[in-house]
Amino acid sequence: MTIIRLAASVTRALDKCLLKVAVIVYLLVFWCGIASALGASLPGVYALSDQDASTSLAVLANPNVDGLALRYSWNQLEPREGNFNFVRALGARYANNPTVVYVKITGVNATTQEAILPHSRGMTISRVGAACTSSDDVGRWQAVGYSRNRVEQAWKHIANNFAGSFPDTKLGLMIGPVGFPPIDDNGNIIANKGADREVALNLIAEGIKSYGQRFVVQNNGLSAVRSWPELSGLSHRTTVGWQMAWSATDNATCKMNGGVAPCNPHDVLQAAIARGVESGAVFLEIYTLDILNPNLQDIIASAHSRLLSR
């Protein structure tokens, strides 16, 4: 069947990567480390490839890249809602392999990998003389009985499945400050709030409590001008890491510079890396487009060196 064929292709890719060393696994993306010795640890620079795409040999050959991503859509591998068979299968195959260093927990998410749920409020949006009304996600969540406590319990159930499948591996939560509907423990809408900020802090606290030093907190929005201050404070309590918000190379909208031009890729990526390293991060995930840019190799080498020294 299709699921078996797709799953087999993923395990073959992981098996091939294990020959080159460390592996980081998460629900939508499988990370394959390319360090030089077995039992590689988490610190370093990791290359983000396109989903379902092969990885350039130039990335594999880069001595300053400590890992790469093999990204697959989870619903193609396990389309049955609430089913963790593929996570368990990965655990059965790789949990005892010392090269698997990090498993990222997803499941409470929307269209990206982070723990985030749709939370629009049915607002009217006007652009260049035209107007439209966004969906009322908050009203819909409330109508089906959503509450802060329920989503936190759901995440804990999912996280425990990952933890049970990989009992000795680091477990990661990818999260930001404003990713959940403004609805409290009793199912009531929180007045004058666009999002519930308590969920993120509660999930982080639960992760540290339940999984101790195995727990990793990651944010996927690092740029030259923005970083979530919470991660800097957490770096003294648990492992933290960043994913770049976008690539700095060939981005006309200057997304990595807050939409402000000019945005020279070297200056922008250097500023973003500095923010990440200075926050106490152990690893940085950088888009492959930047990894392959010959004009950025000096700052990628510097990031690699600084992160491996931790």
Protein backbone atom coordinates (compact mmCIF):
# COMPACT_ATOMS: atom_id res chain seq x y z
CA MET A 1 0.00 0.00 0.00
CA THR A 2 1.05 3.62 -0.46
CA ILE A 3 1.78 4.27 3.20
CA ILE A 4 4.15 1.32 3.37
CA ARG A 5 5.98 2.37 0.22
CA LEU A 6 6.36 5.95 1.49
CA ALA A 7 7.45 4.77 4.92
CA ALA A 8 10.00 2.47 3.33
CA SER A 9 11.45 5.37 1.33
CA VAL A 10 11.87 7.37 4.52
CA THR A 11 13.57 4.56 6.42
CA ARG A 12 15.87 3.92 3.48
CA ALA A 13 16.83 7.60 3.50
CA LEU A 14 17.45 7.50 7.24
CA ASP A 15 19.46 4.29 6.97
CA LYS A 16 21.63 5.95 4.33
CA CYS A 17 22.11 8.98 6.56
CA LEU A 18 23.09 6.82 9.51
CA LEU A 19 26.18 5.88 7.55
CA LYS A 20 27.19 9.53 7.72
CA VAL A 21 26.28 9.97 11.39
CA ALA A 22 23.77 11.86 13.60
CA VAL A 23 20.05 11.90 12.93
CA ILE A 24 17.42 14.27 14.22
CA VAL A 25 13.84 13.16 13.67
CA TYR A 26 10.62 15.10 13.79
CA LEU A 27 7.10 14.57 12.63
CA LEU A 28 7.26 16.42 9.32
CA VAL A 29 11.01 16.46 8.91
CA PHE A 30 13.74 13.91 9.44
CA TRP A 31 17.19 15.38 10.20
CA CYS A 32 20.30 13.55 9.14
CA GLY A 33 23.57 14.64 10.72
CA ILE A 34 26.76 14.59 8.69
CA ALA A 35 29.34 14.99 11.43
CA SER A 36 32.53 12.96 11.27
CA ALA A 37 32.06 10.52 14.14
CA LEU A 38 29.35 8.22 15.49
CA GLY A 39 27.35 9.39 18.46
CA ALA A 40 27.36 13.02 17.32
CA SER A 41 25.63 15.44 19.68
CA LEU A 42 23.05 18.11 18.93
CA PRO A 43 25.13 21.34 18.71
CA GLY A 44 25.86 22.81 15.32
CA VAL A 45 24.49 24.21 12.05
CA TYR A 46 21.72 22.30 10.25
CA ALA A 47 20.61 22.76 6.63
CA LEU A 48 16.89 23.08 5.86
CA SER A 49 16.08 21.50 2.51
CA ASP A 50 12.85 21.75 0.53
CA GLN A 51 10.11 19.31 1.48
CA ASP A 52 10.24 15.96 -0.36
CA ALA A 53 13.38 17.10 -2.20
CA SER A 54 16.78 15.50 -2.49
CA THR A 55 19.74 17.21 -0.87
CA SER A 56 22.54 18.79 -2.85
CA LEU A 57 25.91 17.06 -2.67
CA ALA A 58 27.40 20.48 -2.00
CA VAL A 59 25.50 20.60 1.29
CA LEU A 60 26.76 17.15 2.25
CA ALA A 61 30.30 18.19 1.44
CA ASN A 62 30.22 21.44 3.44
CA PRO A 63 32.46 20.93 6.51
CA ASN A 64 30.53 23.57 8.45
CA VAL A 65 27.16 21.82 8.15
CA ASP A 66 26.47 19.40 10.99
CA GLY A 67 23.17 18.03 9.70
CA LEU A 68 20.56 18.17 6.96
CA ALA A 69 16.80 17.71 6.72
CA LEU A 70 14.80 15.05 4.88
CA ARG A 71 11.31 16.51 4.99
CA TYR A 72 8.15 14.50 4.37
CA SER A 73 4.47 15.36 4.77
CA TRP A 74 3.19 13.45 7.78
CA ASN A 75 -0.33 12.91 6.39
CA GLN A 76 1.20 10.94 3.52
CA LEU A 77 2.93 8.62 5.97
CA GLU A 78 0.16 8.26 8.56
CA PRO A 79 -3.17 9.75 7.39
CA ARG A 80 -5.24 8.32 10.23
CA GLU A 81 -5.93 11.01 12.81
CA GLY A 82 -4.69 10.23 16.30
CA ASN A 83 -2.60 7.28 15.11
CA PHE A 84 1.08 7.12 16.15
CA ASN A 85 2.05 3.88 14.41
CA PHE A 86 4.72 5.52 12.28
CA VAL A 87 6.27 7.29 15.27
CA ARG A 88 6.42 3.97 17.08
CA ALA A 89 7.90 2.28 14.02
CA LEU A 90 10.62 4.92 13.81
CA GLY A 91 11.31 4.45 17.51
CA ALA A 92 11.53 0.68 17.16
CA ARG A 93 14.05 1.09 14.36
CA TYR A 94 16.15 4.03 15.60
CA ALA A 95 15.61 4.72 19.32
CA ASN A 96 18.64 2.67 20.35
CA ASN A 97 20.87 4.06 17.63
CA PRO A 98 23.29 6.56 19.23
CA THR A 99 23.23 8.68 16.07
CA VAL A 100 19.59 9.68 16.62
CA VAL A 101 20.03 12.75 18.78
CA TYR A 102 16.79 14.74 18.68
CA VAL A 103 13.10 14.04 18.05
CA LYS A 104 10.79 17.00 17.45
CA ILE A 105 7.23 16.72 18.72
CA THR A 106 4.45 17.92 16.43
CA GLY A 107 0.75 17.16 16.19
CA VAL A 108 -0.84 20.28 17.68
CA ASN A 109 -0.15 22.41 14.64
CA ALA A 110 -1.69 23.99 11.55
CA THR A 111 0.24 24.34 8.27
CA THR A 112 3.73 24.57 9.77
CA GLN A 113 5.77 22.47 12.18
CA GLU A 114 5.36 24.70 15.23
CA ALA A 115 2.79 24.17 17.97
CA ILE A 116 0.24 26.66 16.67
CA LEU A 117 -3.49 26.66 15.92
CA PRO A 118 -5.55 28.98 13.69
CA HIS A 119 -6.87 31.89 15.77
CA SER A 120 -8.32 34.56 13.47
CA ARG A 121 -11.19 36.64 14.86
CA GLY A 122 -13.37 37.30 11.81
CA MET A 123 -11.86 40.72 11.14
CA THR A 124 -12.37 42.87 8.05
CA ILE A 125 -9.14 43.34 6.10
CA SER A 126 -8.80 46.18 3.58
CA ARG A 127 -6.13 46.36 0.90
CA VAL A 128 -5.94 48.77 -2.08
CA GLY A 129 -9.65 49.51 -2.19
CA ALA A 130 -10.76 45.91 -1.64
CA ALA A 131 -11.99 44.32 1.58
CA CYS A 132 -12.63 40.83 2.88
CA THR A 133 -13.47 39.22 6.20
CA SER A 134 -11.19 36.60 7.72
CA SER A 135 -12.56 33.36 9.13
CA ASP A 136 -13.69 33.34 12.75
CA ASP A 137 -11.40 30.57 13.99
CA VAL A 138 -11.84 31.56 17.62
CA GLY A 139 -15.63 31.27 17.42
CA ARG A 140 -15.33 27.87 15.79
CA TRP A 141 -12.93 26.60 18.45
CA GLN A 142 -15.26 27.78 21.18
CA ALA A 143 -18.23 26.10 19.51
CA VAL A 144 -16.53 22.68 19.56
CA GLY A 145 -15.55 22.96 23.23
CA TYR A 146 -11.93 24.09 22.99
CA SER A 147 -10.23 25.20 26.19
CA ARG A 148 -6.65 25.95 27.24
CA ASN A 149 -6.59 22.86 29.46
CA ARG A 150 -7.84 20.59 26.69
CA VAL A 151 -5.18 21.61 24.18
CA GLU A 152 -2.47 21.27 26.83
CA GLN A 153 -3.67 17.76 27.69
CA ALA A 154 -3.77 16.87 23.99
CA TRP A 155 -0.17 18.02 23.55
CA LYS A 156 0.92 16.03 26.60
CA HIS A 157 -0.71 12.88 25.17
CA ILE A 158 1.11 13.35 21.86
CA ALA A 159 4.41 14.18 23.59
CA ASN A 160 4.19 11.04 25.73
CA ASN A 161 3.81 8.94 22.58
CA PHE A 162 7.01 10.43 21.22
CA ALA A 163 8.74 10.02 24.58
CA GLY A 164 7.70 6.39 24.82
CA SER A 165 8.87 5.66 21.28
CA PHE A 166 12.25 7.38 21.87
CA PRO A 167 12.81 6.88 25.64
CA ASP A 168 16.37 8.22 25.82
CA THR A 169 16.43 10.79 23.01
CA LYS A 170 16.10 14.56 23.29
CA LEU A 171 12.54 15.76 22.65
CA GLY A 172 11.79 19.15 21.10
CA LEU A 173 8.88 21.58 21.18
CA MET A 174 8.78 24.11 18.32
CA ILE A 175 6.72 27.03 19.55
CA GLY A 176 6.24 30.81 19.60
CA PRO A 177 4.52 33.28 21.92
CA VAL A 178 1.17 33.87 20.15
CA GLY A 179 0.06 30.63 18.54
CA PHE A 180 -3.19 29.70 20.30
CA PRO A 181 -6.79 30.95 20.38
CA PRO A 182 -7.58 33.46 23.15
CA ILE A 183 -9.78 31.03 25.09
CA ASP A 184 -9.26 30.26 28.78
CA ASP A 185 -9.48 27.06 30.87
CA ASN A 186 -13.25 27.40 31.09
CA GLY A 187 -13.78 27.82 27.35
CA ASN A 188 -14.43 31.56 27.59
CA ILE A 189 -12.94 34.05 25.14
CA ILE A 190 -10.22 36.17 26.73
CA ALA A 191 -11.24 39.80 26.27
CA ASN A 192 -9.05 42.16 24.21
CA LYS A 193 -6.52 39.47 23.31
CA GLY A 194 -5.60 38.25 19.86
CA ALA A 195 -3.99 35.06 21.21
CA ASP A 196 -3.48 33.13 24.43
CA ARG A 197 0.14 33.57 25.53
CA GLU A 198 -0.15 31.25 28.53
CA VAL A 199 -0.33 28.03 26.49
CA ALA A 200 3.22 28.35 25.18
CA LEU A 201 4.65 28.96 28.65
CA ASN A 202 2.59 26.11 30.13
CA LEU A 203 3.75 23.64 27.47
CA ILE A 204 7.37 24.62 28.01
CA ALA A 205 6.99 24.20 31.78
CA GLU A 206 5.31 20.82 31.30
CA GLY A 207 8.04 19.66 28.95
CA ILE A 208 10.82 20.59 31.35
CA LYS A 209 8.95 18.98 34.24
CA SER A 210 8.17 15.74 32.39
CA TYR A 211 11.32 15.22 30.33
CA GLY A 212 14.01 17.13 32.21
CA GLN A 213 17.31 17.59 30.39
CA ARG A 214 15.93 15.69 27.40
CA PHE A 215 13.64 18.60 26.58
CA VAL A 216 14.50 21.12 23.84
CA VAL A 217 12.66 24.38 23.11
CA GLN A 218 12.91 25.70 19.56
CA ASN A 219 11.52 28.77 17.80
CA ASN A 220 11.29 28.92 14.00
CA GLY A 221 11.22 32.69 13.52
CA LEU A 222 14.81 33.91 13.95
CA SER A 223 15.74 36.89 11.76
CA ALA A 224 18.13 39.83 11.71
CA VAL A 225 15.61 41.99 13.56
CA ARG A 226 13.46 39.56 15.59
CA SER A 227 13.93 36.81 18.13
CA TRP A 228 11.68 35.57 20.93
CA PRO A 229 13.19 36.84 24.22
CA GLU A 230 11.78 33.85 26.12
CA LEU A 231 14.39 31.52 24.61
CA SER A 232 17.30 33.49 26.00
CA GLY A 233 15.92 33.10 29.51
CA LEU A 234 15.28 29.39 28.98
CA SER A 235 18.83 28.66 27.81
CA HIS A 236 19.93 28.40 31.46
CA ARG A 237 17.23 25.80 32.21
CA THR A 238 17.14 23.59 29.12
CA THR A 239 18.48 23.22 25.57
CA VAL A 240 17.27 25.85 23.10
CA GLY A 241 17.67 26.30 19.35
CA TRP A 242 16.44 28.34 16.40
CA GLN A 243 15.25 27.93 12.85
CA MET A 244 15.68 30.90 10.51
CA ALA A 245 12.41 32.57 9.55
CA TRP A 246 13.39 32.46 5.88
CA SER A 247 16.41 32.41 3.61
CA ALA A 248 18.48 35.57 3.32
CA THR A 249 19.58 34.72 -0.22
CA ASP A 250 17.47 35.86 -3.21
CA ASN A 251 14.62 37.19 -1.10
CA ALA A 252 13.27 40.37 -2.71
CA THR A 253 10.80 41.00 0.13
CA CYS A 254 13.62 41.21 2.71
CA LYS A 255 11.68 38.93 5.05
CA MET A 256 14.75 38.18 7.16
CA ASN A 257 15.21 41.93 7.68
CA GLY A 258 11.66 42.71 8.74
CA GLY A 259 10.66 43.69 5.21
CA VAL A 260 13.10 46.59 5.18
CA ALA A 261 15.45 47.19 2.24
CA PRO A 262 18.30 47.03 1.61
CA CYS A 263 18.86 43.51 2.89
CA ASN A 264 22.28 42.31 1.87
CA PRO A 265 22.23 38.52 2.51
CA HIS A 266 25.62 38.53 4.26
CA ASP A 267 24.68 41.32 6.67
CA VAL A 268 21.22 39.90 7.31
CA LEU A 269 22.27 36.31 7.99
CA GLN A 270 25.21 37.46 10.09
CA ALA A 271 22.88 39.54 12.28
CA ALA A 272 20.42 36.67 12.62
CA ILE A 273 23.14 34.18 13.55
CA ALA A 274 24.51 36.62 16.13
CA ARG A 275 21.06 36.90 17.71
CA GLY A 276 20.75 33.14 17.89
CA VAL A 277 24.19 32.41 19.28
CA GLU A 278 23.99 35.24 21.83
CA SER A 279 20.66 33.87 23.09
CA GLY A 280 22.44 30.73 24.29
CA ALA A 281 21.22 28.49 21.46
CA VAL A 282 22.91 25.13 20.93
CA PHE A 283 21.90 24.76 17.26
CA LEU A 284 20.72 26.85 14.31
CA GLU A 285 18.70 25.64 11.33
CA ILE A 286 19.62 27.58 8.17
CA TYR A 287 17.93 27.29 4.79
CA THR A 288 19.82 25.35 2.13
CA LEU A 289 19.75 28.33 -0.22
CA ASP A 290 21.96 30.17 2.27
CA ILE A 291 24.13 27.12 2.96
CA LEU A 292 24.90 26.95 -0.77
CA ASN A 293 25.65 30.67 -1.15
CA PRO A 294 29.45 31.00 -1.55
CA ASN A 295 29.34 34.55 -0.18
CA LEU A 296 27.98 33.32 3.18
CA GLN A 297 30.53 30.59 3.96
CA ASP A 298 32.56 32.71 6.37
CA ILE A 299 29.62 33.41 8.69
CA ILE A 300 28.33 29.83 8.46
CA ALA A 301 31.81 28.62 9.42
CA SER A 302 31.85 31.03 12.34
CA ALA A 303 28.43 29.84 13.52
CA HIS A 304 29.54 26.21 13.25
CA SER A 305 32.64 26.90 15.31
CA ARG A 306 30.86 28.88 18.01
CA LEU A 307 28.04 26.36 18.40
CA LEU A 308 30.32 23.32 18.59
CA SER A 309 32.31 24.98 21.36
CA ARG A 310 29.25 24.83 23.67
